[in-house]
Amino acid sequence: MEFLLKQKEDSLWLPVPPSEFTIPREINSSAFNVEGYGEINFIGKRKLQTIGISSFFPKEAYYFCQYTDFPEPYDCVNLISKWQDSGEPIRLIISETTINMECSIERFEYGENDGTGDVNFQLDLKEYRRIEAASEAVGKWGYSYDKVSVGAANSIINTVRPVTKTVPKTYTVKSGDTLWDIAKKFTGSGMNYESIADKNGIKNPNQIYVGQVLNL
């Protein structure tokens, strides 16, 4: 599954997609008390959808990164900040789903916490609903920017998908390795060291040896 953020000619593939996401679908309904009938509910129109994305911009090309030629972490930060300040929506496309919508950037938070140079971020998006009629202008990809079909989105995904990397099934321990470092490198989070330890029957995560082959 790949995440693409795009505004006009600028685009950003997330090198490390979030492990999960949720999009609530809600409606505007109103309840009234009517004498002789009690409470009555009037079903309204659908609310704007929201989505929160949490991941990080890697400083180096870890094995779990979906492609290799990605921008520096703060180049990604600056691009998203520019989009947020532009007053224009961005488009979010998630491959293998029907999610393809224009969004406003409601909140963008980022920072570092582990000394690796990786930049963690939280991106909160809200669906952008245009009032005017969809533009008929044809953009770079042969589709209007403000109204792109699912088929067109898949065409974009297939046309400009970056080079992906294959995640290995095993890893041979090298000098200086720790299970935390190995988990961070191959899964994106050092907290997954316990899962790797369990897969390999390691009772003490602090005791691994050079040449040991780990199942990932």
C-alpha atoms as a PDB file:
ATOM      1  CA  MET A   1       0.000   0.000   0.000  1.00  0.00           C
ATOM      2  CA  GLU A   2       1.455   3.345  -1.045  1.00  0.00           C
ATOM      3  CA  PHE A   3       0.590   6.880   0.088  1.00  0.00           C
ATOM      4  CA  LEU A   4       0.882   9.790  -2.332  1.00  0.00           C
ATOM      5  CA  LEU A   5       0.455  13.447  -1.376  1.00  0.00           C
ATOM      6  CA  LYS A   6       0.193  15.831  -4.306  1.00  0.00           C
ATOM      7  CA  GLN A   7      -0.428  19.511  -4.957  1.00  0.00           C
ATOM      8  CA  LYS A   8      -0.333  20.591  -8.602  1.00  0.00           C
ATOM      9  CA  GLU A   9       3.171  19.696  -9.865  1.00  0.00           C
ATOM     10  CA  ASP A  10       4.612  18.831  -6.436  1.00  0.00           C
ATOM     11  CA  SER A  11       4.235  15.326  -5.066  1.00  0.00           C
ATOM     12  CA  LEU A  12       5.541  13.318  -2.146  1.00  0.00           C
ATOM     13  CA  TRP A  13       5.481   9.540  -1.735  1.00  0.00           C
ATOM     14  CA  LEU A  14       5.731   8.532   1.903  1.00  0.00           C
ATOM     15  CA  PRO A  15       8.882   6.378   2.124  1.00  0.00           C
ATOM     16  CA  VAL A  16       7.494   4.635   5.205  1.00  0.00           C
ATOM     17  CA  PRO A  17       3.687   4.294   5.043  1.00  0.00           C
ATOM     18  CA  PRO A  18       1.758   4.378   8.320  1.00  0.00           C
ATOM     19  CA  SER A  19       1.079   0.975   9.818  1.00  0.00           C
ATOM     20  CA  GLU A  20      -2.617   1.816  10.051  1.00  0.00           C
ATOM     21  CA  PHE A  21      -5.164   4.511   9.301  1.00  0.00           C
ATOM     22  CA  THR A  22      -8.855   5.113   9.914  1.00  0.00           C
ATOM     23  CA  ILE A  23     -11.374   7.317   8.114  1.00  0.00           C
ATOM     24  CA  PRO A  24     -14.646   7.849   9.996  1.00  0.00           C
ATOM     25  CA  ARG A  25     -17.817   8.375   7.951  1.00  0.00           C
ATOM     26  CA  GLU A  26     -20.379  10.466   9.799  1.00  0.00           C
ATOM     27  CA  ILE A  27     -23.562  12.306   8.909  1.00  0.00           C
ATOM     28  CA  ASN A  28     -25.169  15.509  10.164  1.00  0.00           C
ATOM     29  CA  SER A  29     -28.404  14.439  11.807  1.00  0.00           C
ATOM     30  CA  SER A  30     -30.667  16.447  14.114  1.00  0.00           C
ATOM     31  CA  ALA A  31     -33.059  15.220  16.779  1.00  0.00           C
ATOM     32  CA  PHE A  32     -36.164  17.173  17.868  1.00  0.00           C
ATOM     33  CA  ASN A  33     -38.856  16.528  20.439  1.00  0.00           C
ATOM     34  CA  VAL A  34     -42.295  16.793  18.820  1.00  0.00           C
ATOM     35  CA  GLU A  35     -45.351  16.916  21.054  1.00  0.00           C
ATOM     36  CA  GLY A  36     -47.403  13.784  20.638  1.00  0.00           C
ATOM     37  CA  TYR A  37     -44.585  11.907  18.865  1.00  0.00           C
ATOM     38  CA  GLY A  38     -41.572  12.205  21.103  1.00  0.00           C
ATOM     39  CA  GLU A  39     -38.047  12.453  19.714  1.00  0.00           C
ATOM     40  CA  ILE A  40     -37.716  12.526  15.927  1.00  0.00           C
ATOM     41  CA  ASN A  41     -34.434  12.219  14.059  1.00  0.00           C
ATOM     42  CA  PHE A  42     -33.800  14.020  10.763  1.00  0.00           C
ATOM     43  CA  ILE A  43     -31.003  12.451   8.734  1.00  0.00           C
ATOM     44  CA  GLY A  44     -28.740  15.023   7.124  1.00  0.00           C
ATOM     45  CA  LYS A  45     -25.868  14.975   4.638  1.00  0.00           C
ATOM     46  CA  ARG A  46     -22.491  13.338   5.090  1.00  0.00           C
ATOM     47  CA  LYS A  47     -19.870  15.198   7.100  1.00  0.00           C
ATOM     48  CA  LEU A  48     -16.415  15.866   5.722  1.00  0.00           C
ATOM     49  CA  GLN A  49     -14.118  12.900   6.218  1.00  0.00           C
ATOM     50  CA  THR A  50     -10.941  13.168   8.263  1.00  0.00           C
ATOM     51  CA  ILE A  51      -7.781  11.073   8.326  1.00  0.00           C
ATOM     52  CA  GLY A  52      -4.734  11.063  10.587  1.00  0.00           C
ATOM     53  CA  ILE A  53      -1.389   9.831   9.267  1.00  0.00           C
ATOM     54  CA  SER A  54       1.502   8.999  11.607  1.00  0.00           C
ATOM     55  CA  SER A  55       4.875   7.843  10.313  1.00  0.00           C
ATOM     56  CA  PHE A  56       8.392   9.201   9.914  1.00  0.00           C
ATOM     57  CA  PHE A  57      10.704  10.575   7.241  1.00  0.00           C
ATOM     58  CA  PRO A  58      13.826   8.369   7.285  1.00  0.00           C
ATOM     59  CA  LYS A  59      17.341   9.794   7.237  1.00  0.00           C
ATOM     60  CA  GLU A  60      18.682   6.677   5.514  1.00  0.00           C
ATOM     61  CA  ALA A  61      17.295   4.033   3.173  1.00  0.00           C
ATOM     62  CA  TYR A  62      16.177   1.352   5.607  1.00  0.00           C
ATOM     63  CA  TYR A  63      15.232  -2.039   4.198  1.00  0.00           C
ATOM     64  CA  PHE A  64      11.543  -1.447   4.889  1.00  0.00           C
ATOM     65  CA  CYS A  65      11.402   1.825   2.926  1.00  0.00           C
ATOM     66  CA  GLN A  66       9.130   1.509  -0.097  1.00  0.00           C
ATOM     67  CA  TYR A  67      11.530   3.350  -2.370  1.00  0.00           C
ATOM     68  CA  THR A  68      15.102   4.602  -2.180  1.00  0.00           C
ATOM     69  CA  ASP A  69      15.375   7.999  -3.875  1.00  0.00           C
ATOM     70  CA  PHE A  70      13.386   9.952  -1.283  1.00  0.00           C
ATOM     71  CA  PRO A  71      14.041  13.540  -0.137  1.00  0.00           C
ATOM     72  CA  GLU A  72      15.880  14.463   3.040  1.00  0.00           C
ATOM     73  CA  PRO A  73      13.594  14.482   6.110  1.00  0.00           C
ATOM     74  CA  TYR A  74      13.467  18.270   6.411  1.00  0.00           C
ATOM     75  CA  ASP A  75      12.920  18.682   2.686  1.00  0.00           C
ATOM     76  CA  CYS A  76       9.732  16.667   3.240  1.00  0.00           C
ATOM     77  CA  VAL A  77       8.853  18.825   6.234  1.00  0.00           C
ATOM     78  CA  ASN A  78       9.398  22.022   4.241  1.00  0.00           C
ATOM     79  CA  LEU A  79       7.270  20.759   1.347  1.00  0.00           C
ATOM     80  CA  ILE A  80       4.309  19.895   3.571  1.00  0.00           C
ATOM     81  CA  SER A  81       4.691  23.205   5.425  1.00  0.00           C
ATOM     82  CA  LYS A  82       4.619  25.034   2.075  1.00  0.00           C
ATOM     83  CA  TRP A  83       1.439  23.200   1.094  1.00  0.00           C
ATOM     84  CA  GLN A  84      -0.149  24.038   4.434  1.00  0.00           C
ATOM     85  CA  ASP A  85       0.670  27.741   4.030  1.00  0.00           C
ATOM     86  CA  SER A  86      -0.486  27.903   0.404  1.00  0.00           C
ATOM     87  CA  GLY A  87      -4.194  28.067   1.192  1.00  0.00           C
ATOM     88  CA  GLU A  88      -4.797  25.378  -1.438  1.00  0.00           C
ATOM     89  CA  PRO A  89      -5.867  21.750  -0.893  1.00  0.00           C
ATOM     90  CA  ILE A  90      -3.651  18.763  -1.535  1.00  0.00           C
ATOM     91  CA  ARG A  91      -4.690  15.413  -2.971  1.00  0.00           C
ATOM     92  CA  LEU A  92      -4.313  12.176  -1.002  1.00  0.00           C
ATOM     93  CA  ILE A  93      -4.179   8.910  -2.935  1.00  0.00           C
ATOM     94  CA  ILE A  94      -3.738   5.530  -1.244  1.00  0.00           C
ATOM     95  CA  SER A  95      -3.046   2.648  -3.587  1.00  0.00           C
ATOM     96  CA  GLU A  96      -5.060  -0.588  -3.291  1.00  0.00           C
ATOM     97  CA  THR A  97      -7.983   1.429  -1.872  1.00  0.00           C
ATOM     98  CA  THR A  98     -10.666   3.787  -3.187  1.00  0.00           C
ATOM     99  CA  ILE A  99      -9.203   6.690  -1.196  1.00  0.00           C
ATOM    100  CA  ASN A 100      -8.546   9.541  -3.590  1.00  0.00           C
ATOM    101  CA  MET A 101      -9.614  12.926  -2.280  1.00  0.00           C
ATOM    102  CA  GLU A 102      -8.651  16.540  -1.960  1.00  0.00           C
ATOM    103  CA  CYS A 103      -7.807  17.546   1.608  1.00  0.00           C
ATOM    104  CA  SER A 104      -6.885  20.519   3.708  1.00  0.00           C
ATOM    105  CA  ILE A 105      -3.909  20.152   6.045  1.00  0.00           C
ATOM    106  CA  GLU A 106      -5.504  20.814   9.423  1.00  0.00           C
ATOM    107  CA  ARG A 107      -2.481  20.015  11.567  1.00  0.00           C
ATOM    108  CA  PHE A 108       1.144  19.069  10.919  1.00  0.00           C
ATOM    109  CA  GLU A 109       3.410  18.122  13.820  1.00  0.00           C
ATOM    110  CA  TYR A 110       6.975  16.825  13.514  1.00  0.00           C
ATOM    111  CA  GLY A 111      10.101  16.247  15.583  1.00  0.00           C
ATOM    112  CA  GLU A 112      13.006  13.948  16.463  1.00  0.00           C
ATOM    113  CA  ASN A 113      13.379  11.678  19.462  1.00  0.00           C
ATOM    114  CA  ASP A 114      15.984   8.949  18.929  1.00  0.00           C
ATOM    115  CA  GLY A 115      19.141  10.609  17.571  1.00  0.00           C
ATOM    116  CA  THR A 116      18.967   8.836  14.190  1.00  0.00           C
ATOM    117  CA  GLY A 117      18.040  11.936  12.192  1.00  0.00           C
ATOM    118  CA  ASP A 118      14.677  10.392  11.336  1.00  0.00           C
ATOM    119  CA  VAL A 119      11.825  12.897  11.642  1.00  0.00           C
ATOM    120  CA  ASN A 120       8.570  11.609  13.114  1.00  0.00           C
ATOM    121  CA  PHE A 121       5.393  13.335  12.003  1.00  0.00           C
ATOM    122  CA  GLN A 122       1.641  13.476  12.531  1.00  0.00           C
ATOM    123  CA  LEU A 123      -0.477  14.781   9.650  1.00  0.00           C
ATOM    124  CA  ASP A 124      -4.178  15.482  10.187  1.00  0.00           C
ATOM    125  CA  LEU A 125      -6.177  15.947   6.983  1.00  0.00           C
ATOM    126  CA  LYS A 126      -9.793  16.912   6.323  1.00  0.00           C
ATOM    127  CA  GLU A 127     -11.695  16.293   3.114  1.00  0.00           C
ATOM    128  CA  TYR A 128     -11.961  19.406   0.945  1.00  0.00           C
ATOM    129  CA  ARG A 129     -15.333  19.808  -0.745  1.00  0.00           C
ATOM    130  CA  ARG A 130     -15.502  22.231  -3.673  1.00  0.00           C
ATOM    131  CA  ILE A 131     -18.637  24.305  -4.131  1.00  0.00           C
ATOM    132  CA  GLU A 132     -18.051  25.354  -7.703  1.00  0.00           C
ATOM    133  CA  ALA A 133     -18.413  22.990 -10.661  1.00  0.00           C
ATOM    134  CA  ALA A 134     -15.450  20.756 -11.368  1.00  0.00           C
ATOM    135  CA  SER A 135     -12.892  22.272 -13.691  1.00  0.00           C
ATOM    136  CA  GLU A 136     -12.620  20.911 -17.228  1.00  0.00           C
ATOM    137  CA  ALA A 137      -8.984  21.928 -17.524  1.00  0.00           C
ATOM    138  CA  VAL A 138      -6.717  18.996 -18.241  1.00  0.00           C
ATOM    139  CA  GLY A 139      -3.637  18.726 -16.066  1.00  0.00           C
ATOM    140  CA  LYS A 140      -0.276  17.066 -16.412  1.00  0.00           C
ATOM    141  CA  TRP A 141      -1.706  13.555 -16.106  1.00  0.00           C
ATOM    142  CA  GLY A 142      -4.580  14.123 -18.507  1.00  0.00           C
ATOM    143  CA  TYR A 143      -7.175  14.657 -15.785  1.00  0.00           C
ATOM    144  CA  SER A 144      -8.574  17.775 -14.130  1.00  0.00           C
ATOM    145  CA  TYR A 145      -6.716  18.522 -10.884  1.00  0.00           C
ATOM    146  CA  ASP A 146      -9.818  18.989  -8.745  1.00  0.00           C
ATOM    147  CA  LYS A 147     -11.741  15.945  -9.946  1.00  0.00           C
ATOM    148  CA  VAL A 148      -9.763  12.760 -10.479  1.00  0.00           C
ATOM    149  CA  SER A 149     -11.458   9.388 -10.838  1.00  0.00           C
ATOM    150  CA  VAL A 150     -10.284   6.245  -9.068  1.00  0.00           C
ATOM    151  CA  GLY A 151      -9.109   4.912 -12.430  1.00  0.00           C
ATOM    152  CA  ALA A 152      -7.090   8.065 -13.008  1.00  0.00           C
ATOM    153  CA  ALA A 153      -5.604   7.778  -9.533  1.00  0.00           C
ATOM    154  CA  ASN A 154      -4.497   4.223 -10.271  1.00  0.00           C
ATOM    155  CA  SER A 155      -2.961   5.470 -13.507  1.00  0.00           C
ATOM    156  CA  ILE A 156      -0.951   8.032 -11.539  1.00  0.00           C
ATOM    157  CA  ILE A 157       0.133   5.365  -9.049  1.00  0.00           C
ATOM    158  CA  ASN A 158       1.253   3.007 -11.817  1.00  0.00           C
ATOM    159  CA  THR A 159       2.956   5.727 -13.868  1.00  0.00           C
ATOM    160  CA  VAL A 160       5.095   7.416 -11.246  1.00  0.00           C
ATOM    161  CA  ARG A 161       5.531   4.722  -8.607  1.00  0.00           C
ATOM    162  CA  PRO A 162       9.100   4.951  -7.264  1.00  0.00           C
ATOM    163  CA  VAL A 163      11.541   2.072  -7.146  1.00  0.00           C
ATOM    164  CA  THR A 164      10.572  -0.203  -4.260  1.00  0.00           C
ATOM    165  CA  LYS A 165      12.782  -2.288  -2.008  1.00  0.00           C
ATOM    166  CA  THR A 166      12.298  -5.937  -1.059  1.00  0.00           C
ATOM    167  CA  VAL A 167      12.238  -6.619   2.672  1.00  0.00           C
ATOM    168  CA  PRO A 168      14.405  -9.687   3.445  1.00  0.00           C
ATOM    169  CA  LYS A 169      12.945 -12.596   5.413  1.00  0.00           C
ATOM    170  CA  THR A 170      16.135 -13.175   7.422  1.00  0.00           C
ATOM    171  CA  TYR A 171      19.045 -11.112   8.726  1.00  0.00           C
ATOM    172  CA  THR A 172      22.516 -12.172   9.821  1.00  0.00           C
ATOM    173  CA  VAL A 173      23.690 -10.403  12.980  1.00  0.00           C
ATOM    174  CA  LYS A 174      26.782  -8.229  12.584  1.00  0.00           C
ATOM    175  CA  SER A 175      29.178  -6.799  15.137  1.00  0.00           C
ATOM    176  CA  GLY A 176      27.566  -3.997  17.163  1.00  0.00           C
ATOM    177  CA  ASP A 177      23.989  -5.025  16.325  1.00  0.00           C
ATOM    178  CA  THR A 178      21.233  -5.002  18.934  1.00  0.00           C
ATOM    179  CA  LEU A 179      17.723  -6.387  18.562  1.00  0.00           C
ATOM    180  CA  TRP A 180      16.376  -2.849  19.009  1.00  0.00           C
ATOM    181  CA  ASP A 181      18.509  -1.564  16.094  1.00  0.00           C
ATOM    182  CA  ILE A 182      17.557  -4.525  13.915  1.00  0.00           C
ATOM    183  CA  ALA A 183      13.846  -4.030  14.655  1.00  0.00           C
ATOM    184  CA  LYS A 184      14.109  -0.296  13.875  1.00  0.00           C
ATOM    185  CA  LYS A 185      15.964  -0.982  10.624  1.00  0.00           C
ATOM    186  CA  PHE A 186      13.625  -3.650   9.264  1.00  0.00           C
ATOM    187  CA  THR A 187      10.229  -2.829  10.788  1.00  0.00           C
ATOM    188  CA  GLY A 188      10.384   0.919  11.359  1.00  0.00           C
ATOM    189  CA  SER A 189      10.117   0.693  15.165  1.00  0.00           C
ATOM    190  CA  GLY A 190      12.628  -0.540  17.736  1.00  0.00           C
ATOM    191  CA  MET A 191       9.686  -1.527  19.939  1.00  0.00           C
ATOM    192  CA  ASN A 192       9.195  -4.563  17.690  1.00  0.00           C
ATOM    193  CA  TYR A 193      12.350  -6.191  19.071  1.00  0.00           C
ATOM    194  CA  GLU A 194      10.218  -8.444  21.283  1.00  0.00           C
ATOM    195  CA  SER A 195       8.390  -9.814  18.235  1.00  0.00           C
ATOM    196  CA  ILE A 196      11.694 -10.702  16.562  1.00  0.00           C
ATOM    197  CA  ALA A 197      12.918 -12.282  19.799  1.00  0.00           C
ATOM    198  CA  ASP A 198       9.759 -14.406  20.018  1.00  0.00           C
ATOM    199  CA  LYS A 199      10.057 -15.527  16.379  1.00  0.00           C
ATOM    200  CA  ASN A 200      13.596 -16.748  17.026  1.00  0.00           C
ATOM    201  CA  GLY A 201      13.106 -18.232  20.510  1.00  0.00           C
ATOM    202  CA  ILE A 202      15.414 -15.651  22.098  1.00  0.00           C
ATOM    203  CA  LYS A 203      14.725 -15.529  25.841  1.00  0.00           C
ATOM    204  CA  ASN A 204      17.156 -12.686  26.590  1.00  0.00           C
ATOM    205  CA  PRO A 205      16.933  -9.938  23.902  1.00  0.00           C
ATOM    206  CA  ASN A 206      20.302  -8.599  25.068  1.00  0.00           C
ATOM    207  CA  GLN A 207      22.063 -11.812  24.080  1.00  0.00           C
ATOM    208  CA  ILE A 208      22.533 -12.190  20.325  1.00  0.00           C
ATOM    209  CA  TYR A 209      25.756 -13.160  18.607  1.00  0.00           C
ATOM    210  CA  VAL A 210      27.599 -12.322  15.397  1.00  0.00           C
ATOM    211  CA  GLY A 211      26.618 -14.672  12.590  1.00  0.00           C
ATOM    212  CA  GLN A 212      23.251 -15.529  14.131  1.00  0.00           C
ATOM    213  CA  VAL A 213      20.528 -15.719  11.448  1.00  0.00           C
ATOM    214  CA  LEU A 214      17.283 -14.101  12.556  1.00  0.00           C
ATOM    215  CA  ASN A 215      13.871 -14.635  11.034  1.00  0.00           C
ATOM    216  CA  LEU A 216      12.205 -11.285  10.429  1.00  0.00           C
END
